[in-house]
Amino acid sequence: TAETADIAHSRGFALVEFNRCALVSDPPFRDVSGG
């Protein structure tokens, strides 16, 4: 977000973001009470 980017820049940092699930997928959580 703009807020997060501003937090980074106000402290002298650049910020990079990538989608880790583009490397290996992450199945959504489901209830495992049955095993």
Full PDB file with SEQRES, HELIX, SHEET, SSBOND, CRYST1, ORIGX, SCALE, CONECT and MASTER records, all heavy atoms in Angstrom:
SEQRES   1 A   35  THR ALA GLU THR ALA ASP ILE ALA HIS SER ARG GLY PHE          
SEQRES   2 A   35  ALA LEU VAL GLU PHE ASN ARG CYS ALA LEU VAL SER ASP          
SEQRES   3 A   35  PRO PRO PHE ARG ASP VAL SER GLY GLY                          
HELIX    1 AA1 ALA A    2  HIS A    9  1                                   8    
HELIX    2 AA2 ARG A   20  ALA A   22  5                                   3    
CRYST1    1.000    1.000    1.000  90.00  90.00  90.00 P 1           1          
ORIGX1      1.000000  0.000000  0.000000        0.00000                         
ORIGX2      0.000000  1.000000  0.000000        0.00000                         
ORIGX3      0.000000  0.000000  1.000000        0.00000                         
SCALE1      1.000000  0.000000  0.000000        0.00000                         
SCALE2      0.000000  1.000000  0.000000        0.00000                         
SCALE3      0.000000  0.000000  1.000000        0.00000                         
ATOM      1  N   THR A   1       0.839  -1.196   0.000  1.00  0.00           N  
ATOM      2  CA  THR A   1       0.000   0.000   0.000  1.00  0.00           C  
ATOM      3  C   THR A   1       0.875   1.247   0.000  1.00  0.00           C  
ATOM      4  O   THR A   1       2.086   1.194   0.261  1.00  0.00           O  
ATOM      5  CB  THR A   1      -0.897   0.022   1.248  1.00  0.00           C  
ATOM      6  OG1 THR A   1      -0.063   0.123   2.417  1.00  0.00           O  
ATOM      7  CG2 THR A   1      -1.735  -1.248   1.338  1.00  0.00           C  
ATOM      8  N   ALA A   2       0.233   2.374  -0.262  1.00  0.00           N  
ATOM      9  CA  ALA A   2       0.958   3.636  -0.212  1.00  0.00           C  
ATOM     10  C   ALA A   2       1.526   3.863   1.187  1.00  0.00           C  
ATOM     11  O   ALA A   2       2.649   4.374   1.343  1.00  0.00           O  
ATOM     12  CB  ALA A   2       0.029   4.784  -0.609  1.00  0.00           C  
ATOM     13  N   GLU A   3       0.777   3.474   2.224  1.00  0.00           N  
ATOM     14  CA  GLU A   3       1.261   3.648   3.587  1.00  0.00           C  
ATOM     15  C   GLU A   3       2.534   2.839   3.833  1.00  0.00           C  
ATOM     16  O   GLU A   3       3.504   3.341   4.400  1.00  0.00           O  
ATOM     17  CB  GLU A   3       0.182   3.222   4.593  1.00  0.00           C  
ATOM     18  CG  GLU A   3       0.617   3.366   6.042  1.00  0.00           C  
ATOM     19  CD  GLU A   3      -0.422   2.872   7.024  1.00  0.00           C  
ATOM     20  OE1 GLU A   3      -1.268   2.047   6.641  1.00  0.00           O  
ATOM     21  OE2 GLU A   3      -0.374   3.302   8.193  1.00  0.00           O  
ATOM     22  N   THR A   4       2.528   1.571   3.381  1.00  0.00           N  
ATOM     23  CA  THR A   4       3.709   0.725   3.574  1.00  0.00           C  
ATOM     24  C   THR A   4       4.899   1.270   2.800  1.00  0.00           C  
ATOM     25  O   THR A   4       6.027   1.316   3.317  1.00  0.00           O  
ATOM     26  CB  THR A   4       3.412  -0.716   3.132  1.00  0.00           C  
ATOM     27  OG1 THR A   4       2.240  -1.187   3.798  1.00  0.00           O  
ATOM     28  CG2 THR A   4       4.575  -1.630   3.459  1.00  0.00           C  
ATOM     29  N   ALA A   5       4.673   1.674   1.561  1.00  0.00           N  
ATOM     30  CA  ALA A   5       5.762   2.236   0.762  1.00  0.00           C  
ATOM     31  C   ALA A   5       6.324   3.489   1.414  1.00  0.00           C  
ATOM     32  O   ALA A   5       7.553   3.691   1.448  1.00  0.00           O  
ATOM     33  CB  ALA A   5       5.272   2.536  -0.655  1.00  0.00           C  
ATOM     34  N   ASP A   6       5.460   4.322   1.967  1.00  0.00           N  
ATOM     35  CA  ASP A   6       5.929   5.545   2.616  1.00  0.00           C  
ATOM     36  C   ASP A   6       6.730   5.239   3.878  1.00  0.00           C  
ATOM     37  O   ASP A   6       7.710   5.932   4.189  1.00  0.00           O  
ATOM     38  CB  ASP A   6       4.743   6.450   2.952  1.00  0.00           C  
ATOM     39  CG  ASP A   6       4.188   7.158   1.728  1.00  0.00           C  
ATOM     40  OD1 ASP A   6       4.850   7.110   0.672  1.00  0.00           O  
ATOM     41  OD2 ASP A   6       3.104   7.759   1.830  1.00  0.00           O  
ATOM     42  N   ILE A   7       6.318   4.206   4.620  1.00  0.00           N  
ATOM     43  CA  ILE A   7       7.096   3.801   5.795  1.00  0.00           C  
ATOM     44  C   ILE A   7       8.513   3.419   5.371  1.00  0.00           C  
ATOM     45  O   ILE A   7       9.499   3.778   6.021  1.00  0.00           O  
ATOM     46  CB  ILE A   7       6.398   2.624   6.520  1.00  0.00           C  
ATOM     47  CG1 ILE A   7       5.108   3.103   7.193  1.00  0.00           C  
ATOM     48  CG2 ILE A   7       7.326   1.995   7.557  1.00  0.00           C  
ATOM     49  CD1 ILE A   7       4.256   1.975   7.743  1.00  0.00           C  
ATOM     50  N   ALA A   8       8.611   2.668   4.265  1.00  0.00           N  
ATOM     51  CA  ALA A   8       9.928   2.265   3.763  1.00  0.00           C  
ATOM     52  C   ALA A   8      10.737   3.472   3.309  1.00  0.00           C  
ATOM     53  O   ALA A   8      11.903   3.654   3.706  1.00  0.00           O  
ATOM     54  CB  ALA A   8       9.758   1.279   2.608  1.00  0.00           C  
ATOM     55  N   HIS A   9      10.143   4.312   2.468  1.00  0.00           N  
ATOM     56  CA  HIS A   9      10.891   5.421   1.866  1.00  0.00           C  
ATOM     57  C   HIS A   9      11.308   6.457   2.904  1.00  0.00           C  
ATOM     58  O   HIS A   9      12.403   7.040   2.803  1.00  0.00           O  
ATOM     59  CB  HIS A   9      10.054   6.086   0.778  1.00  0.00           C  
ATOM     60  CG  HIS A   9       9.641   5.166  -0.326  1.00  0.00           C  
ATOM     61  ND1 HIS A   9      10.368   4.052  -0.679  1.00  0.00           N  
ATOM     62  CD2 HIS A   9       8.551   5.187  -1.162  1.00  0.00           C  
ATOM     63  CE1 HIS A   9       9.757   3.429  -1.675  1.00  0.00           C  
ATOM     64  NE2 HIS A   9       8.667   4.097  -1.988  1.00  0.00           N  
ATOM     65  N   SER A  10      10.453   6.690   3.913  1.00  0.00           N  
ATOM     66  CA  SER A  10      10.794   7.681   4.926  1.00  0.00           C  
ATOM     67  C   SER A  10      11.993   7.239   5.754  1.00  0.00           C  
ATOM     68  O   SER A  10      12.615   8.063   6.436  1.00  0.00           O  
ATOM     69  CB  SER A  10       9.595   7.942   5.838  1.00  0.00           C  
ATOM     70  OG  SER A  10       9.272   6.781   6.601  1.00  0.00           O  
ATOM     71  N   ARG A  11      12.326   5.957   5.659  1.00  0.00           N  
ATOM     72  CA  ARG A  11      13.496   5.426   6.366  1.00  0.00           C  
ATOM     73  C   ARG A  11      14.618   5.072   5.401  1.00  0.00           C  
ATOM     74  O   ARG A  11      15.564   4.384   5.766  1.00  0.00           O  
ATOM     75  CB  ARG A  11      13.077   4.237   7.219  1.00  0.00           C  
ATOM     76  CG  ARG A  11      12.207   4.675   8.400  1.00  0.00           C  
ATOM     77  CD  ARG A  11      11.315   3.564   8.919  1.00  0.00           C  
ATOM     78  NE  ARG A  11      10.554   4.026  10.094  1.00  0.00           N  
ATOM     79  CZ  ARG A  11       9.405   4.689  10.035  1.00  0.00           C  
ATOM     80  NH1 ARG A  11       8.882   5.005   8.842  1.00  0.00           N  
ATOM     81  NH2 ARG A  11       8.771   5.063  11.133  1.00  0.00           N  
ATOM     82  N   GLY A  12      14.476   5.532   4.165  1.00  0.00           N  
ATOM     83  CA  GLY A  12      15.561   5.409   3.201  1.00  0.00           C  
ATOM     84  C   GLY A  12      15.613   4.110   2.438  1.00  0.00           C  
ATOM     85  O   GLY A  12      16.629   3.823   1.792  1.00  0.00           O  
ATOM     86  N   PHE A  13      14.546   3.309   2.456  1.00  0.00           N  
ATOM     87  CA  PHE A  13      14.552   1.993   1.823  1.00  0.00           C  
ATOM     88  C   PHE A  13      13.675   1.945   0.579  1.00  0.00           C  
ATOM     89  O   PHE A  13      12.642   2.621   0.487  1.00  0.00           O  
ATOM     90  CB  PHE A  13      14.036   0.931   2.794  1.00  0.00           C  
ATOM     91  CG  PHE A  13      15.055   0.452   3.784  1.00  0.00           C  
ATOM     92  CD1 PHE A  13      15.400   1.247   4.875  1.00  0.00           C  
ATOM     93  CD2 PHE A  13      15.663  -0.779   3.643  1.00  0.00           C  
ATOM     94  CE1 PHE A  13      16.334   0.820   5.805  1.00  0.00           C  
ATOM     95  CE2 PHE A  13      16.603  -1.217   4.561  1.00  0.00           C  
ATOM     96  CZ  PHE A  13      16.945  -0.421   5.637  1.00  0.00           C  
ATOM     97  N   ALA A  14      14.083   1.116  -0.372  1.00  0.00           N  
ATOM     98  CA  ALA A  14      13.199   0.660  -1.437  1.00  0.00           C  
ATOM     99  C   ALA A  14      12.506  -0.610  -0.946  1.00  0.00           C  
ATOM    100  O   ALA A  14      12.922  -1.236   0.027  1.00  0.00           O  
ATOM    101  CB  ALA A  14      13.985   0.382  -2.709  1.00  0.00           C  
ATOM    102  N   LEU A  15      11.459  -0.995  -1.647  1.00  0.00           N  
ATOM    103  CA  LEU A  15      10.677  -2.156  -1.250  1.00  0.00           C  
ATOM    104  C   LEU A  15      10.366  -2.985  -2.489  1.00  0.00           C  
ATOM    105  O   LEU A  15       9.979  -2.442  -3.529  1.00  0.00           O  
ATOM    106  CB  LEU A  15       9.390  -1.680  -0.576  1.00  0.00           C  
ATOM    107  CG  LEU A  15       8.463  -2.674   0.094  1.00  0.00           C  
ATOM    108  CD1 LEU A  15       9.200  -3.499   1.138  1.00  0.00           C  
ATOM    109  CD2 LEU A  15       7.304  -1.923   0.751  1.00  0.00           C  
ATOM    110  N   VAL A  16      10.580  -4.290  -2.384  1.00  0.00           N  
ATOM    111  CA  VAL A  16      10.283  -5.213  -3.490  1.00  0.00           C  
ATOM    112  C   VAL A  16       9.290  -6.244  -2.998  1.00  0.00           C  
ATOM    113  O   VAL A  16       9.400  -6.745  -1.876  1.00  0.00           O  
ATOM    114  CB  VAL A  16      11.562  -5.908  -3.996  1.00  0.00           C  
ATOM    115  CG1 VAL A  16      11.235  -7.143  -4.837  1.00  0.00           C  
ATOM    116  CG2 VAL A  16      12.399  -4.936  -4.819  1.00  0.00           C  
ATOM    117  N   GLU A  17       8.323  -6.557  -3.838  1.00  0.00           N  
ATOM    118  CA  GLU A  17       7.350  -7.596  -3.488  1.00  0.00           C  
ATOM    119  C   GLU A  17       7.202  -8.558  -4.652  1.00  0.00           C  
ATOM    120  O   GLU A  17       7.166  -8.158  -5.811  1.00  0.00           O  
ATOM    121  CB  GLU A  17       6.001  -6.964  -3.152  1.00  0.00           C  
ATOM    122  CG  GLU A  17       4.980  -7.981  -2.650  1.00  0.00           C  
ATOM    123  CD  GLU A  17       3.681  -7.318  -2.231  1.00  0.00           C  
ATOM    124  OE1 GLU A  17       3.043  -6.664  -3.090  1.00  0.00           O  
ATOM    125  OE2 GLU A  17       3.297  -7.441  -1.056  1.00  0.00           O  
ATOM    126  N   PHE A  18       7.137  -9.865  -4.320  1.00  0.00           N  
ATOM    127  CA  PHE A  18       6.860 -10.876  -5.336  1.00  0.00           C  
ATOM    128  C   PHE A  18       5.872 -11.879  -4.771  1.00  0.00           C  
ATOM    129  O   PHE A  18       5.602 -11.908  -3.563  1.00  0.00           O  
ATOM    130  CB  PHE A  18       8.154 -11.563  -5.798  1.00  0.00           C  
ATOM    131  CG  PHE A  18       8.766 -12.505  -4.782  1.00  0.00           C  
ATOM    132  CD1 PHE A  18       8.577 -13.884  -4.881  1.00  0.00           C  
ATOM    133  CD2 PHE A  18       9.538 -12.013  -3.741  1.00  0.00           C  
ATOM    134  CE1 PHE A  18       9.140 -14.747  -3.957  1.00  0.00           C  
ATOM    135  CE2 PHE A  18      10.114 -12.877  -2.808  1.00  0.00           C  
ATOM    136  CZ  PHE A  18       9.916 -14.244  -2.915  1.00  0.00           C  
ATOM    137  N   ASN A  19       5.329 -12.690  -5.641  1.00  0.00           N  
ATOM    138  CA  ASN A  19       4.341 -13.695  -5.263  1.00  0.00           C  
ATOM    139  C   ASN A  19       5.043 -15.029  -5.092  1.00  0.00           C  
ATOM    140  O   ASN A  19       5.366 -15.709  -6.061  1.00  0.00           O  
ATOM    141  CB  ASN A  19       3.268 -13.775  -6.353  1.00  0.00           C  
ATOM    142  CG  ASN A  19       2.267 -14.891  -6.099  1.00  0.00           C  
ATOM    143  OD1 ASN A  19       2.314 -15.576  -5.076  1.00  0.00           O  
ATOM    144  ND2 ASN A  19       1.356 -15.085  -7.042  1.00  0.00           N  
ATOM    145  N   ARG A  20       5.285 -15.438  -3.839  1.00  0.00           N  
ATOM    146  CA  ARG A  20       6.003 -16.692  -3.603  1.00  0.00           C  
ATOM    147  C   ARG A  20       5.225 -17.903  -4.121  1.00  0.00           C  
ATOM    148  O   ARG A  20       5.822 -18.921  -4.460  1.00  0.00           O  
ATOM    149  CB  ARG A  20       6.319 -16.847  -2.113  1.00  0.00           C  
ATOM    150  CG  ARG A  20       5.139 -16.719  -1.216  1.00  0.00           C  
ATOM    151  CD  ARG A  20       5.534 -16.772   0.270  1.00  0.00           C  
ATOM    152  NE  ARG A  20       4.537 -16.145   1.105  1.00  0.00           N  
ATOM    153  CZ  ARG A  20       3.374 -16.691   1.430  1.00  0.00           C  
ATOM    154  NH1 ARG A  20       3.071 -17.899   1.000  1.00  0.00           N  
ATOM    155  NH2 ARG A  20       2.522 -16.051   2.195  1.00  0.00           N  
ATOM    156  N   CYS A  21       3.894 -17.777  -4.203  1.00  0.00           N  
ATOM    157  CA  CYS A  21       3.095 -18.910  -4.673  1.00  0.00           C  
ATOM    158  C   CYS A  21       3.224 -19.126  -6.174  1.00  0.00           C  
ATOM    159  O   CYS A  21       2.723 -20.125  -6.706  1.00  0.00           O  
ATOM    160  CB  CYS A  21       1.632 -18.723  -4.282  1.00  0.00           C  
ATOM    161  SG  CYS A  21       1.364 -18.817  -2.511  1.00  0.00           S  
ATOM    162  N   ALA A  22       3.898 -18.201  -6.861  1.00  0.00           N  
ATOM    163  CA  ALA A  22       4.210 -18.445  -8.267  1.00  0.00           C  
ATOM    164  C   ALA A  22       5.309 -19.486  -8.399  1.00  0.00           C  
ATOM    165  O   ALA A  22       5.512 -20.045  -9.488  1.00  0.00           O  
ATOM    166  CB  ALA A  22       4.633 -17.143  -8.947  1.00  0.00           C  
ATOM    167  N   LEU A  23       6.032 -19.759  -7.316  1.00  0.00           N  
ATOM    168  CA  LEU A  23       7.070 -20.783  -7.325  1.00  0.00           C  
ATOM    169  C   LEU A  23       6.498 -22.148  -6.963  1.00  0.00           C  
ATOM    170  O   LEU A  23       6.718 -23.138  -7.662  1.00  0.00           O  
ATOM    171  CB  LEU A  23       8.192 -20.419  -6.347  1.00  0.00           C  
ATOM    172  CG  LEU A  23       9.015 -19.212  -6.759  1.00  0.00           C  
ATOM    173  CD1 LEU A  23       8.767 -18.059  -5.822  1.00  0.00           C  
ATOM    174  CD2 LEU A  23      10.486 -19.555  -6.792  1.00  0.00           C  
ATOM    175  N   VAL A  24       5.799 -22.203  -5.831  1.00  0.00           N  
ATOM    176  CA  VAL A  24       5.136 -23.421  -5.377  1.00  0.00           C  
ATOM    177  C   VAL A  24       3.785 -22.997  -4.823  1.00  0.00           C  
ATOM    178  O   VAL A  24       3.707 -22.066  -4.020  1.00  0.00           O  
ATOM    179  CB  VAL A  24       5.956 -24.146  -4.276  1.00  0.00           C  
ATOM    180  CG1 VAL A  24       5.234 -25.412  -3.822  1.00  0.00           C  
ATOM    181  CG2 VAL A  24       7.353 -24.485  -4.770  1.00  0.00           C  
ATOM    182  N   SER A  25       2.723 -23.688  -5.245  1.00  0.00           N  
ATOM    183  CA  SER A  25       1.383 -23.291  -4.826  1.00  0.00           C  
ATOM    184  C   SER A  25       1.180 -23.543  -3.334  1.00  0.00           C  
ATOM    185  O   SER A  25       1.895 -24.332  -2.699  1.00  0.00           O  
ATOM    186  CB  SER A  25       0.333 -24.050  -5.635  1.00  0.00           C  
ATOM    187  OG  SER A  25       0.414 -25.444  -5.363  1.00  0.00           O  
ATOM    188  N   ASP A  26       0.189 -22.883  -2.789  1.00  0.00           N  
ATOM    189  CA  ASP A  26      -0.132 -23.003  -1.366  1.00  0.00           C  
ATOM    190  C   ASP A  26      -1.612 -23.322  -1.242  1.00  0.00           C  
ATOM    191  O   ASP A  26      -2.447 -22.430  -1.329  1.00  0.00           O  
ATOM    192  CB  ASP A  26       0.205 -21.692  -0.648  1.00  0.00           C  
ATOM    193  CG  ASP A  26       0.086 -21.809   0.858  1.00  0.00           C  
ATOM    194  OD1 ASP A  26       0.037 -22.947   1.363  1.00  0.00           O  
ATOM    195  OD2 ASP A  26       0.049 -20.763   1.522  1.00  0.00           O  
ATOM    196  N   PRO A  27      -1.973 -24.602  -1.035  1.00  0.00           N  
ATOM    197  CA  PRO A  27      -3.393 -24.966  -0.957  1.00  0.00           C  
ATOM    198  C   PRO A  27      -4.084 -24.234   0.179  1.00  0.00           C  
ATOM    199  O   PRO A  27      -3.481 -24.015   1.242  1.00  0.00           O  
ATOM    200  CB  PRO A  27      -3.358 -26.480  -0.688  1.00  0.00           C  
ATOM    201  CG  PRO A  27      -2.017 -26.924  -1.130  1.00  0.00           C  
ATOM    202  CD  PRO A  27      -1.099 -25.770  -0.884  1.00  0.00           C  
ATOM    203  N   PRO A  28      -5.338 -23.841  -0.015  1.00  0.00           N  
ATOM    204  CA  PRO A  28      -6.050 -23.133   1.059  1.00  0.00           C  
ATOM    205  C   PRO A  28      -6.268 -24.048   2.253  1.00  0.00           C  
ATOM    206  O   PRO A  28      -6.352 -25.275   2.124  1.00  0.00           O  
ATOM    207  CB  PRO A  28      -7.373 -22.740   0.399  1.00  0.00           C  
ATOM    208  CG  PRO A  28      -7.556 -23.721  -0.713  1.00  0.00           C  
ATOM    209  CD  PRO A  28      -6.169 -24.010  -1.211  1.00  0.00           C  
ATOM    210  N   PHE A  29      -6.373 -23.428   3.427  1.00  0.00           N  
ATOM    211  CA  PHE A  29      -6.598 -24.198   4.649  1.00  0.00           C  
ATOM    212  C   PHE A  29      -7.978 -24.845   4.613  1.00  0.00           C  
ATOM    213  O   PHE A  29      -8.937 -24.289   4.084  1.00  0.00           O  
ATOM    214  CB  PHE A  29      -6.498 -23.282   5.868  1.00  0.00           C  
ATOM    215  CG  PHE A  29      -6.939 -23.943   7.141  1.00  0.00           C  
ATOM    216  CD1 PHE A  29      -6.074 -24.802   7.807  1.00  0.00           C  
ATOM    217  CD2 PHE A  29      -8.205 -23.735   7.646  1.00  0.00           C  
ATOM    218  CE1 PHE A  29      -6.477 -25.433   8.978  1.00  0.00           C  
ATOM    219  CE2 PHE A  29      -8.604 -24.350   8.811  1.00  0.00           C  
ATOM    220  CZ  PHE A  29      -7.746 -25.207   9.475  1.00  0.00           C  
ATOM    221  N   ARG A  30      -8.079 -26.035   5.162  1.00  0.00           N  
ATOM    222  CA  ARG A  30      -9.381 -26.636   5.390  1.00  0.00           C  
ATOM    223  C   ARG A  30      -9.356 -27.337   6.746  1.00  0.00           C  
ATOM    224  O   ARG A  30      -8.289 -27.660   7.274  1.00  0.00           O  
ATOM    225  CB  ARG A  30      -9.748 -27.637   4.291  1.00  0.00           C  
ATOM    226  CG  ARG A  30      -8.981 -28.938   4.324  1.00  0.00           C  
ATOM    227  CD  ARG A  30      -9.614 -29.953   3.374  1.00  0.00           C  
ATOM    228  NE  ARG A  30      -8.855 -31.192   3.323  1.00  0.00           N  
ATOM    229  CZ  ARG A  30      -8.942 -32.166   4.207  1.00  0.00           C  
ATOM    230  NH1 ARG A  30      -9.740 -32.027   5.251  1.00  0.00           N  
ATOM    231  NH2 ARG A  30      -8.225 -33.273   4.087  1.00  0.00           N  
ATOM    232  N   ASP A  31     -10.542 -27.567   7.297  1.00  0.00           N  
ATOM    233  CA  ASP A  31     -10.651 -28.208   8.599  1.00  0.00           C  
ATOM    234  C   ASP A  31     -10.075 -29.617   8.527  1.00  0.00           C  
ATOM    235  O   ASP A  31     -10.370 -30.379   7.606  1.00  0.00           O  
ATOM    236  CB  ASP A  31     -12.121 -28.258   9.015  1.00  0.00           C  
ATOM    237  CG  ASP A  31     -12.307 -28.886  10.385  1.00  0.00           C  
ATOM    238  OD1 ASP A  31     -11.367 -28.828  11.197  1.00  0.00           O  
ATOM    239  OD2 ASP A  31     -13.395 -29.430  10.633  1.00  0.00           O  
ATOM    240  N   VAL A  32      -9.228 -29.970   9.480  1.00  0.00           N  
ATOM    241  CA  VAL A  32      -8.623 -31.301   9.496  1.00  0.00           C  
ATOM    242  C   VAL A  32      -9.042 -32.069  10.737  1.00  0.00           C  
ATOM    243  O   VAL A  32      -8.368 -33.004  11.155  1.00  0.00           O  
ATOM    244  CB  VAL A  32      -7.074 -31.215   9.430  1.00  0.00           C  
ATOM    245  CG1 VAL A  32      -6.632 -30.656   8.100  1.00  0.00           C  
ATOM    246  CG2 VAL A  32      -6.526 -30.371  10.583  1.00  0.00           C  
ATOM    247  N   SER A  33     -10.190 -31.684  11.326  1.00  0.00           N  
ATOM    248  CA  SER A  33     -10.640 -32.365  12.527  1.00  0.00           C  
ATOM    249  C   SER A  33     -10.943 -33.829  12.260  1.00  0.00           C  
ATOM    250  O   SER A  33     -10.900 -34.660  13.171  1.00  0.00           O  
ATOM    251  CB  SER A  33     -11.879 -31.662  13.103  1.00  0.00           C  
ATOM    252  OG  SER A  33     -12.917 -31.606  12.153  1.00  0.00           O  
ATOM    253  N   GLY A  34     -11.247 -34.163  10.996  1.00  0.00           N  
ATOM    254  CA  GLY A  34     -11.526 -35.556  10.658  1.00  0.00           C  
ATOM    255  C   GLY A  34     -10.300 -36.360  10.309  1.00  0.00           C  
ATOM    256  O   GLY A  34     -10.401 -37.535   9.946  1.00  0.00           O  
ATOM    257  N   GLY A  35      -9.129 -35.754  10.390  1.00  0.00           N  
ATOM    258  CA  GLY A  35      -7.895 -36.456  10.066  1.00  0.00           C  
ATOM    259  C   GLY A  35      -7.039 -35.642   9.137  1.00  0.00           C  
ATOM    260  O   GLY A  35      -7.424 -34.553   8.695  1.00  0.00           O  
TER     261      GLY A  35                                                      
MASTER        0    0    0    2    0    0    0    6  260    1    0    3          
END                                                                             
